[in-house]
Structures are given as C-alpha cells and as structure tokens.
Amino acid sequence: MMLGGFGVLGVLLMILFWVLIVAGAVWLLGRLFPGGVSHPANSTAPKWTPPASPETPLDILKRRYASGEIAKAEYDQMRQDILSDTR
C-alpha cells in the first residue's frame, strides 16, 4: 500500500525530518537563552538562618537602655535583678 506515494520509507523520512526540526529549535533556543530555567529549591539565594546565639536578658536590657526606652535608674535596678538571679 502506498502512503502518499512514498511508502513506508517516505513516512520514516517525514518523521525524521520533523524530529530534526524540533531538535534544532530546542538547540537554537538553548543557545539563545543559555541561563535556562532555575527552580526555587535549587536557587543559590541565601536562606534564612537563625541567629548565632539568642539574646540574653542582659543584652535585651542594654539594648532597651541604649535606645532610651528605659531610664538609668530602671536600668540599674533591672541589671541588679538579672545579675542576682543568675548567681
């Protein structure tokens, strides 16, 4: 049986032709856009990491005093309370 006048060989050549066209288009797009597509899981962006060490109560107190949130007298009293609790 003749398929379009070329037979089985014609069908195989047509399939090979289209495979080469698609492969060439993929190759060409790869050359034009070399960056490709990256998945967020493979990203080199830095990920969140917890602080190296948690703040101690004394660190928090110092920060509050430095920012003006508490007065010197409050700072001194709270510092004494913190230091007496840790001993």
C-alpha atoms as a PDB file:
ATOM      1  CA  MET A   1       0.000   0.000   0.000  1.00  0.00           C
ATOM      2  CA  MET A   2       1.355   3.365  -0.952  1.00  0.00           C
ATOM      3  CA  LEU A   3       1.241   6.123   1.701  1.00  0.00           C
ATOM      4  CA  GLY A   4       1.193   9.434  -0.114  1.00  0.00           C
ATOM      5  CA  GLY A   5       3.235   7.998  -2.959  1.00  0.00           C
ATOM      6  CA  PHE A   6       6.408   7.419  -0.906  1.00  0.00           C
ATOM      7  CA  GLY A   7       5.595   4.269   1.036  1.00  0.00           C
ATOM      8  CA  VAL A   8       6.979   3.374   4.442  1.00  0.00           C
ATOM      9  CA  LEU A   9      10.346   4.978   3.675  1.00  0.00           C
ATOM     10  CA  GLY A  10       8.608   8.273   2.987  1.00  0.00           C
ATOM     11  CA  VAL A  11       6.793   8.166   6.340  1.00  0.00           C
ATOM     12  CA  LEU A  12      10.048   7.404   8.172  1.00  0.00           C
ATOM     13  CA  LEU A  13      11.828  10.250   6.393  1.00  0.00           C
ATOM     14  CA  MET A  14       8.987  12.624   7.270  1.00  0.00           C
ATOM     15  CA  ILE A  15       9.184  11.624  10.962  1.00  0.00           C
ATOM     16  CA  LEU A  16      12.984  12.046  10.907  1.00  0.00           C
ATOM     17  CA  PHE A  17      12.583  15.450   9.268  1.00  0.00           C
ATOM     18  CA  TRP A  18      10.235  16.712  12.000  1.00  0.00           C
ATOM     19  CA  VAL A  19      12.401  15.247  14.786  1.00  0.00           C
ATOM     20  CA  LEU A  20      15.385  17.136  13.357  1.00  0.00           C
ATOM     21  CA  ILE A  21      13.343  20.355  13.077  1.00  0.00           C
ATOM     22  CA  VAL A  22      12.194  20.131  16.725  1.00  0.00           C
ATOM     23  CA  ALA A  23      15.680  19.173  17.969  1.00  0.00           C
ATOM     24  CA  GLY A  24      17.181  22.087  16.022  1.00  0.00           C
ATOM     25  CA  ALA A  25      14.650  24.508  17.509  1.00  0.00           C
ATOM     26  CA  VAL A  26      15.403  23.267  21.033  1.00  0.00           C
ATOM     27  CA  TRP A  27      19.158  23.577  20.399  1.00  0.00           C
ATOM     28  CA  LEU A  28      18.734  27.088  18.973  1.00  0.00           C
ATOM     29  CA  LEU A  29      16.637  28.246  21.938  1.00  0.00           C
ATOM     30  CA  GLY A  30      19.235  26.779  24.276  1.00  0.00           C
ATOM     31  CA  ARG A  31      21.952  28.792  22.534  1.00  0.00           C
ATOM     32  CA  LEU A  32      19.886  31.998  22.545  1.00  0.00           C
ATOM     33  CA  PHE A  33      18.902  31.708  26.228  1.00  0.00           C
ATOM     34  CA  PRO A  34      21.824  29.984  27.991  1.00  0.00           C
ATOM     35  CA  GLY A  35      20.626  30.831  31.532  1.00  0.00           C
ATOM     36  CA  GLY A  36      17.869  28.274  31.413  1.00  0.00           C
ATOM     37  CA  VAL A  37      15.134  27.953  33.979  1.00  0.00           C
ATOM     38  CA  SER A  38      16.037  27.547  37.625  1.00  0.00           C
ATOM     39  CA  HIS A  39      13.827  26.012  40.248  1.00  0.00           C
ATOM     40  CA  PRO A  40      13.462  27.964  43.543  1.00  0.00           C
ATOM     41  CA  ALA A  41      14.633  24.918  45.508  1.00  0.00           C
ATOM     42  CA  ASN A  42      17.900  24.919  43.538  1.00  0.00           C
ATOM     43  CA  SER A  43      18.419  28.630  43.932  1.00  0.00           C
ATOM     44  CA  THR A  44      21.695  29.927  45.337  1.00  0.00           C
ATOM     45  CA  ALA A  45      19.882  32.703  47.167  1.00  0.00           C
ATOM     46  CA  PRO A  46      20.703  32.758  50.859  1.00  0.00           C
ATOM     47  CA  LYS A  47      18.193  31.033  53.027  1.00  0.00           C
ATOM     48  CA  TRP A  48      17.042  32.286  56.425  1.00  0.00           C
ATOM     49  CA  THR A  49      19.212  31.114  59.279  1.00  0.00           C
ATOM     50  CA  PRO A  50      18.524  31.603  62.962  1.00  0.00           C
ATOM     51  CA  PRO A  51      20.735  33.997  64.909  1.00  0.00           C
ATOM     52  CA  ALA A  52      24.072  32.590  66.021  1.00  0.00           C
ATOM     53  CA  SER A  53      23.119  32.856  69.675  1.00  0.00           C
ATOM     54  CA  PRO A  54      19.936  34.102  71.314  1.00  0.00           C
ATOM     55  CA  GLU A  55      19.983  37.387  73.166  1.00  0.00           C
ATOM     56  CA  THR A  56      20.474  37.125  76.895  1.00  0.00           C
ATOM     57  CA  PRO A  57      18.247  39.124  79.241  1.00  0.00           C
ATOM     58  CA  LEU A  58      21.200  41.427  79.905  1.00  0.00           C
ATOM     59  CA  ASP A  59      21.642  42.041  76.157  1.00  0.00           C
ATOM     60  CA  ILE A  60      17.973  42.959  75.854  1.00  0.00           C
ATOM     61  CA  LEU A  61      18.230  45.273  78.847  1.00  0.00           C
ATOM     62  CA  LYS A  62      21.314  47.002  77.391  1.00  0.00           C
ATOM     63  CA  ARG A  63      19.556  47.453  74.062  1.00  0.00           C
ATOM     64  CA  ARG A  64      16.460  48.944  75.726  1.00  0.00           C
ATOM     65  CA  TYR A  65      18.628  51.361  77.754  1.00  0.00           C
ATOM     66  CA  ALA A  66      20.672  52.340  74.705  1.00  0.00           C
ATOM     67  CA  SER A  67      17.529  53.120  72.716  1.00  0.00           C
ATOM     68  CA  GLY A  68      16.186  55.326  75.504  1.00  0.00           C
ATOM     69  CA  GLU A  69      13.288  53.043  76.282  1.00  0.00           C
ATOM     70  CA  ILE A  70      14.181  52.896  79.984  1.00  0.00           C
ATOM     71  CA  ALA A  71      15.895  55.368  82.334  1.00  0.00           C
ATOM     72  CA  LYS A  72      19.254  54.883  84.098  1.00  0.00           C
ATOM     73  CA  ALA A  73      17.638  54.122  87.458  1.00  0.00           C
ATOM     74  CA  GLU A  74      15.405  51.446  85.885  1.00  0.00           C
ATOM     75  CA  TYR A  75      18.399  50.026  84.038  1.00  0.00           C
ATOM     76  CA  ASP A  76      20.487  49.792  87.210  1.00  0.00           C
ATOM     77  CA  GLN A  77      17.668  48.147  89.168  1.00  0.00           C
ATOM     78  CA  MET A  78      16.843  45.649  86.442  1.00  0.00           C
ATOM     79  CA  ARG A  79      20.532  44.870  85.906  1.00  0.00           C
ATOM     80  CA  GLN A  80      20.933  44.085  89.593  1.00  0.00           C
ATOM     81  CA  ASP A  81      17.857  41.862  89.476  1.00  0.00           C
ATOM     82  CA  ILE A  82      19.159  39.978  86.453  1.00  0.00           C
ATOM     83  CA  LEU A  83      22.651  39.533  87.885  1.00  0.00           C
ATOM     84  CA  SER A  84      21.312  38.361  91.246  1.00  0.00           C
ATOM     85  CA  ASP A  85      19.102  35.763  89.524  1.00  0.00           C
ATOM     86  CA  THR A  86      21.989  34.263  87.533  1.00  0.00           C
ATOM     87  CA  ARG A  87      24.287  33.724  90.508  1.00  0.00           C
END
